[in-house]
Amino acid sequence: MKLYERSIGFQLVMCGLMALCALGQLISNVAQHSPIGLIIFFVIIFAVFLVCGAVLTLDLTRKDLHILSGEVIFVEEYRIQIRQENGKLKKIRLKKAEYPNFHLGQQVNLHWTRSWSMLLAITAKEEP
């Protein structure tokens, strides 16, 4: 189940749009000979959005995911809690269409991105 790739893709698109807005502001301020503080501010903002976009792109294109196993211990309306192997609890909100696929005691794998540890997918663990 690929639950969250669309959300990360949307974040990537928004980073691109924000970088374009910052670039537009930077060009406008340079053309109007604005104070150097404003120019430096928009250079920093532009650089931050470029770096965020690059990291998001790497997370979506690389296939080396960090996979953690766990067990579903709580199922409520559009939310589940998963106890990971290390004992930590993860609370996850689900889409309406994906909610019926989970039940108490089910073994699942959580697929995380390496760079920012964002959840990409939840899959049912295959039993031998």
C-alpha atoms as a PDB file:
ATOM      1  CA  MET A   1       0.000   0.000   0.000  1.00  0.00           C
ATOM      2  CA  LYS A   2       1.597   3.208  -1.137  1.00  0.00           C
ATOM      3  CA  LEU A   3      -0.140   5.643   1.161  1.00  0.00           C
ATOM      4  CA  TYR A   4       2.104   8.634   1.424  1.00  0.00           C
ATOM      5  CA  GLU A   5       4.098   8.976  -1.824  1.00  0.00           C
ATOM      6  CA  ARG A   6       1.507  11.383  -3.234  1.00  0.00           C
ATOM      7  CA  SER A   7       1.826  13.577  -0.164  1.00  0.00           C
ATOM      8  CA  ILE A   8       5.609  13.731  -0.478  1.00  0.00           C
ATOM      9  CA  GLY A   9       5.247  14.433  -4.197  1.00  0.00           C
ATOM     10  CA  PHE A  10       2.914  17.312  -3.355  1.00  0.00           C
ATOM     11  CA  GLN A  11       5.494  18.636  -0.891  1.00  0.00           C
ATOM     12  CA  LEU A  12       8.086  18.496  -3.673  1.00  0.00           C
ATOM     13  CA  VAL A  13       5.834  20.486  -6.010  1.00  0.00           C
ATOM     14  CA  MET A  14       5.186  23.063  -3.282  1.00  0.00           C
ATOM     15  CA  CYS A  15       8.937  23.384  -2.628  1.00  0.00           C
ATOM     16  CA  GLY A  16       9.414  24.078  -6.326  1.00  0.00           C
ATOM     17  CA  LEU A  17       6.688  26.720  -6.361  1.00  0.00           C
ATOM     18  CA  MET A  18       8.043  28.394  -3.239  1.00  0.00           C
ATOM     19  CA  ALA A  19      11.555  28.402  -4.729  1.00  0.00           C
ATOM     20  CA  LEU A  20      10.166  30.072  -7.866  1.00  0.00           C
ATOM     21  CA  CYS A  21       8.381  32.691  -5.739  1.00  0.00           C
ATOM     22  CA  ALA A  22      11.566  33.387  -3.778  1.00  0.00           C
ATOM     23  CA  LEU A  23      13.523  33.648  -7.039  1.00  0.00           C
ATOM     24  CA  GLY A  24      10.953  36.099  -8.413  1.00  0.00           C
ATOM     25  CA  GLN A  25      11.200  38.218  -5.285  1.00  0.00           C
ATOM     26  CA  LEU A  26      14.989  38.072  -5.464  1.00  0.00           C
ATOM     27  CA  ILE A  27      15.041  39.242  -9.083  1.00  0.00           C
ATOM     28  CA  SER A  28      12.525  41.985  -8.317  1.00  0.00           C
ATOM     29  CA  ASN A  29      14.534  43.253  -5.345  1.00  0.00           C
ATOM     30  CA  VAL A  30      17.795  43.230  -7.294  1.00  0.00           C
ATOM     31  CA  ALA A  31      16.176  45.119 -10.195  1.00  0.00           C
ATOM     32  CA  GLN A  32      14.746  47.768  -7.839  1.00  0.00           C
ATOM     33  CA  HIS A  33      18.055  48.171  -5.971  1.00  0.00           C
ATOM     34  CA  SER A  34      16.452  47.210  -2.657  1.00  0.00           C
ATOM     35  CA  PRO A  35      18.464  47.108   0.570  1.00  0.00           C
ATOM     36  CA  ILE A  36      21.048  44.341   0.725  1.00  0.00           C
ATOM     37  CA  GLY A  37      19.263  42.781   3.720  1.00  0.00           C
ATOM     38  CA  LEU A  38      16.205  41.933   1.584  1.00  0.00           C
ATOM     39  CA  ILE A  39      18.382  40.486  -1.161  1.00  0.00           C
ATOM     40  CA  ILE A  40      20.274  38.273   1.300  1.00  0.00           C
ATOM     41  CA  PHE A  41      16.971  37.209   2.886  1.00  0.00           C
ATOM     42  CA  PHE A  42      15.544  36.001  -0.430  1.00  0.00           C
ATOM     43  CA  VAL A  43      18.826  34.322  -1.401  1.00  0.00           C
ATOM     44  CA  ILE A  44      18.661  32.315   1.842  1.00  0.00           C
ATOM     45  CA  ILE A  45      14.989  31.415   1.329  1.00  0.00           C
ATOM     46  CA  PHE A  46      15.661  30.371  -2.276  1.00  0.00           C
ATOM     47  CA  ALA A  47      18.594  28.185  -1.178  1.00  0.00           C
ATOM     48  CA  VAL A  48      16.550  26.537   1.598  1.00  0.00           C
ATOM     49  CA  PHE A  49      13.755  25.573  -0.793  1.00  0.00           C
ATOM     50  CA  LEU A  50      16.251  24.262  -3.344  1.00  0.00           C
ATOM     51  CA  VAL A  51      17.905  22.050  -0.725  1.00  0.00           C
ATOM     52  CA  CYS A  52      14.535  20.809   0.557  1.00  0.00           C
ATOM     53  CA  GLY A  53      13.456  20.014  -2.999  1.00  0.00           C
ATOM     54  CA  ALA A  54      16.700  18.142  -3.671  1.00  0.00           C
ATOM     55  CA  VAL A  55      16.331  16.032  -0.526  1.00  0.00           C
ATOM     56  CA  LEU A  56      12.683  15.251  -1.322  1.00  0.00           C
ATOM     57  CA  THR A  57      13.660  14.270  -4.870  1.00  0.00           C
ATOM     58  CA  LEU A  58      16.342  11.934  -3.538  1.00  0.00           C
ATOM     59  CA  ASP A  59      13.894  10.376  -1.093  1.00  0.00           C
ATOM     60  CA  LEU A  60      11.358   9.685  -3.829  1.00  0.00           C
ATOM     61  CA  THR A  61      13.820   8.366  -6.415  1.00  0.00           C
ATOM     62  CA  ARG A  62      16.092   6.216  -4.235  1.00  0.00           C
ATOM     63  CA  LYS A  63      14.903   2.705  -3.557  1.00  0.00           C
ATOM     64  CA  ASP A  64      16.867   2.098  -0.343  1.00  0.00           C
ATOM     65  CA  LEU A  65      14.078   2.438   2.181  1.00  0.00           C
ATOM     66  CA  HIS A  66      14.382   1.882   5.902  1.00  0.00           C
ATOM     67  CA  ILE A  67      11.916  -0.882   6.804  1.00  0.00           C
ATOM     68  CA  LEU A  68      10.641  -1.449  10.346  1.00  0.00           C
ATOM     69  CA  SER A  69       8.338  -4.257  11.402  1.00  0.00           C
ATOM     70  CA  GLY A  70       5.516  -3.868  13.856  1.00  0.00           C
ATOM     71  CA  GLU A  71       2.131  -5.037  15.036  1.00  0.00           C
ATOM     72  CA  VAL A  72      -1.184  -3.203  14.888  1.00  0.00           C
ATOM     73  CA  ILE A  73      -2.359  -2.795  18.483  1.00  0.00           C
ATOM     74  CA  PHE A  74      -5.139  -0.223  18.146  1.00  0.00           C
ATOM     75  CA  VAL A  75      -7.594   0.477  15.359  1.00  0.00           C
ATOM     76  CA  GLU A  76      -9.964   3.425  15.545  1.00  0.00           C
ATOM     77  CA  GLU A  77     -11.770   5.449  12.917  1.00  0.00           C
ATOM     78  CA  TYR A  78      -9.074   6.254  10.314  1.00  0.00           C
ATOM     79  CA  ARG A  79      -6.254   5.895  12.852  1.00  0.00           C
ATOM     80  CA  ILE A  80      -4.086   2.970  13.835  1.00  0.00           C
ATOM     81  CA  GLN A  81      -1.338   2.502  16.395  1.00  0.00           C
ATOM     82  CA  ILE A  82       1.579   0.264  15.590  1.00  0.00           C
ATOM     83  CA  ARG A  83       4.035  -1.093  18.150  1.00  0.00           C
ATOM     84  CA  GLN A  84       7.404  -1.310  16.435  1.00  0.00           C
ATOM     85  CA  GLU A  85       9.996  -3.995  17.213  1.00  0.00           C
ATOM     86  CA  ASN A  86      11.933  -1.483  19.305  1.00  0.00           C
ATOM     87  CA  GLY A  87       8.863  -0.984  21.542  1.00  0.00           C
ATOM     88  CA  LYS A  88       7.909   2.488  20.321  1.00  0.00           C
ATOM     89  CA  LEU A  89       4.328   3.322  19.359  1.00  0.00           C
ATOM     90  CA  LYS A  90       3.555   4.962  16.027  1.00  0.00           C
ATOM     91  CA  LYS A  91       0.183   6.640  15.500  1.00  0.00           C
ATOM     92  CA  ILE A  92      -0.774   6.804  11.845  1.00  0.00           C
ATOM     93  CA  ARG A  93      -3.766   8.414  10.132  1.00  0.00           C
ATOM     94  CA  LEU A  94      -5.139   6.504   7.171  1.00  0.00           C
ATOM     95  CA  LYS A  95      -7.183   7.319   4.131  1.00  0.00           C
ATOM     96  CA  LYS A  96     -10.788   6.166   4.140  1.00  0.00           C
ATOM     97  CA  ALA A  97     -10.160   3.555   1.435  1.00  0.00           C
ATOM     98  CA  GLU A  98      -7.202   2.002   3.282  1.00  0.00           C
ATOM     99  CA  TYR A  99      -8.769   1.811   6.744  1.00  0.00           C
ATOM    100  CA  PRO A 100     -10.548  -1.580   6.337  1.00  0.00           C
ATOM    101  CA  ASN A 101      -7.248  -3.299   5.406  1.00  0.00           C
ATOM    102  CA  PHE A 102      -5.959  -3.226   8.995  1.00  0.00           C
ATOM    103  CA  HIS A 103      -7.043  -5.256  12.026  1.00  0.00           C
ATOM    104  CA  LEU A 104      -5.772  -5.895  15.556  1.00  0.00           C
ATOM    105  CA  GLY A 105      -2.732  -8.130  15.819  1.00  0.00           C
ATOM    106  CA  GLN A 106      -1.798  -7.761  12.154  1.00  0.00           C
ATOM    107  CA  GLN A 107       1.935  -7.773  11.403  1.00  0.00           C
ATOM    108  CA  VAL A 108       2.974  -4.888   9.139  1.00  0.00           C
ATOM    109  CA  ASN A 109       6.110  -3.361   7.636  1.00  0.00           C
ATOM    110  CA  LEU A 110       6.618   0.406   7.764  1.00  0.00           C
ATOM    111  CA  HIS A 111       8.641   1.830   4.864  1.00  0.00           C
ATOM    112  CA  TRP A 112      10.501   5.048   5.795  1.00  0.00           C
ATOM    113  CA  THR A 113      12.649   7.357   3.693  1.00  0.00           C
ATOM    114  CA  ARG A 114      16.302   7.484   4.671  1.00  0.00           C
ATOM    115  CA  SER A 115      16.907  11.242   4.670  1.00  0.00           C
ATOM    116  CA  TRP A 116      13.976  12.686   6.618  1.00  0.00           C
ATOM    117  CA  SER A 117      12.322   9.541   8.009  1.00  0.00           C
ATOM    118  CA  MET A 118       8.982  10.199   6.328  1.00  0.00           C
ATOM    119  CA  LEU A 119       6.528   7.328   6.075  1.00  0.00           C
ATOM    120  CA  LEU A 120       6.119   6.122   2.492  1.00  0.00           C
ATOM    121  CA  ALA A 121       4.041   2.980   2.815  1.00  0.00           C
ATOM    122  CA  ILE A 122       2.558   0.403   5.152  1.00  0.00           C
ATOM    123  CA  THR A 123       2.466  -3.163   3.880  1.00  0.00           C
ATOM    124  CA  ALA A 124       1.147  -6.348   5.443  1.00  0.00           C
ATOM    125  CA  LYS A 125       3.939  -8.665   6.493  1.00  0.00           C
ATOM    126  CA  GLU A 126       4.021 -11.875   4.486  1.00  0.00           C
ATOM    127  CA  GLU A 127       3.720 -14.933   6.670  1.00  0.00           C
ATOM    128  CA  PRO A 128       5.961 -17.945   5.889  1.00  0.00           C
END
